[in-house]
Amino acid sequence: MYSGKIIVAPMVRVCTLPFRLLAIDYGADLVYTEETIDFKMLRSIKKDNEILGTVDFVDKSDGSVFFRTCAKEKEKVIFQMGTCDPQRALKVGKMVEPYVAGLDINMGCPKEFSLKGGMGAALLTQPEKVKAILTTLVQGLSIPVTCKIRLLKDPDSTLELCRMIEKCGVAAIAVHGRTKEERPNNRNHNDVIKKLAESLNVPVIANGGSKEITCYEDIEKFRKETGAASVMLARAAMWNCSILRKQGFMPLEIVVETYLRYCVDYDNQFTYSKYTVQNMLRELQDTPRGKAFLETQTLPEICQLWGLKDYFDEKLKQQNDLRKLKNVRCESNNKMYMPPSADYVSIGEKTENGQKIFEMPVQFIRGNFNNADLPKMLLNTYIFRNSLTGPTYTCAVHDKFFGATVEVDGIKYSSVLREKSRRYSEQAAAMVCLHVLKAVDKTYGFIPTKGARKYQHVIDELKSTRSRGEKRDSSGDNDSEVKTASEADKKQKLKVIESDESEAFEKETSALTVTS
């Protein structure tokens, strides 16, 4: 299973279901999930998502879907876990066992969070704990168990550790060819990986060579240089996943578009979608469309930039029609996009200590509002016009997430979903109050307001320029002077766009200053 393979490494915020499926499409033999901490998994709820055809693991503390998988990747997805306890690890392994092809323990992450928790690279100097975790998993699970490590400073010590790991019965060992102190700008120690591969019987997966892997052929070159059984790619795959294709690279435009289609199909978390596309664009973030992309705050906005707005709208309609047919309400907090209206979410009512409380699963997405129609502003106006008491906001913190409640005329209103800031949680509570009181239209806060986004003129200008270019090409005029004039025209238009952006920014800054 782990020999002769091209594998996509676990990458935080990148290796969600859409990216994993994209990698499989382009030729990946195995795909790792991003690392999930055992505690997070143990406090989750498993849900079968009838709308998407997926299995979701939902965090009870904030309602977010943090691990989503489907049948298409069942034989190729490896679940990576962060842990420092054998029994917790086994409990998590049992939870994911029916849905994945294998389980991997992260023993190489050098980040402070992992090290302080006794996980990741902290395990490299705790061989007895490593032995206990891996032995417990190998004996308790029916799926293959692997681990991903970094090098110790002494190659002989690394080999000694790997031999102990091998005796635990693991199916493979992935080796990142740097120590926990080294970073991507340091060279990958291919010679040490080769020594390990030659000395061990278990398959060794070579990792850390993205700087030297610039095309598909380089993957095999890296494998031969390290003597490894398989190769694991991280940044090289993240930058352009089509590097996995035997036939060669696809245009980045197509790669991004295909990825976004998967994001729409599987309701991917907006922040993760944006982060992944941003890493694909790299230097292209300085282009007009790149600048417009950086301003996006919802998935539909990103889709619009890549000509997928119709695709998004149609898929959303299909999903919502299916929700109505199956009578499924929206309950997850996934920061991707909201349902089309309040008709698709549940309004709950309960009484605590004699006080009535209304709850809805809504979230505040800044891109869905203009500055003049924010929930708290509208609620203040509604209360004043109707001579009500309030609003009084209270806020509680749940595992670093915020949940606010607003009291109006003796009744409390709250969103059951959590936000990452107190300010946003208060806006969400105000939105609940507005909907329960029917003070706003049912689509309020769900559908982005027209004109809420900046840089729309960039998109329009690009479309216009492209359209004019296509007309010139179809005219058959190949005169070199015309071509030169055309190029000069494009450069001039880009200058106009940049000037427009600067002017818009100055106007907005001025307006904010006056408001303050």
Foldseek 3Di string as FASTA:
>chain_A
DAFPFEEADADPLAQAALLQVLLVVLAGQAYEHHEDELVQQVQWDWDQDPLLQWIFTARLLFQATDHIAHPVCAQHYEYEYWDQAQVSLLVSCVVCQVRHQYYEYAQAALDPVSCVRCTHVNCLPVLVSLLSNLLSNVVRGPHAYEYEHEDDPDLVSRLVSVVSSVVSPGQEYEYFQHHSVDDLVDDRPLVSLLVSLVPDPHFYEYENCLVQQQALVVLVVSCVSSVGRHYYYYLNCLQFVSSNHPVIGDPLLVRLLSSLLSCLSNVAQQVSNLVSVCSNCPVVLPALLNVLSVQDQASLSVCVSSVCNVVNVVSLVSSVVVCVVVVPADRGDRNHAFRQFLVRWDWDWDDDPNAIEIEIAAFAGQQQDAPCPQLVNLLVVVCVVVVKDDFDKDWDAGPQWIWMWTDINRHIFTYSGTHNDNVRNVSRRSVRVCVVVVVDDRRRRRHRDPPSGPSVVSSVLVVVLVVVVVVVVVVVDPDPVVVVVNVVVVVVVSVVSVVVVVVVVVVVVVVVVVVD
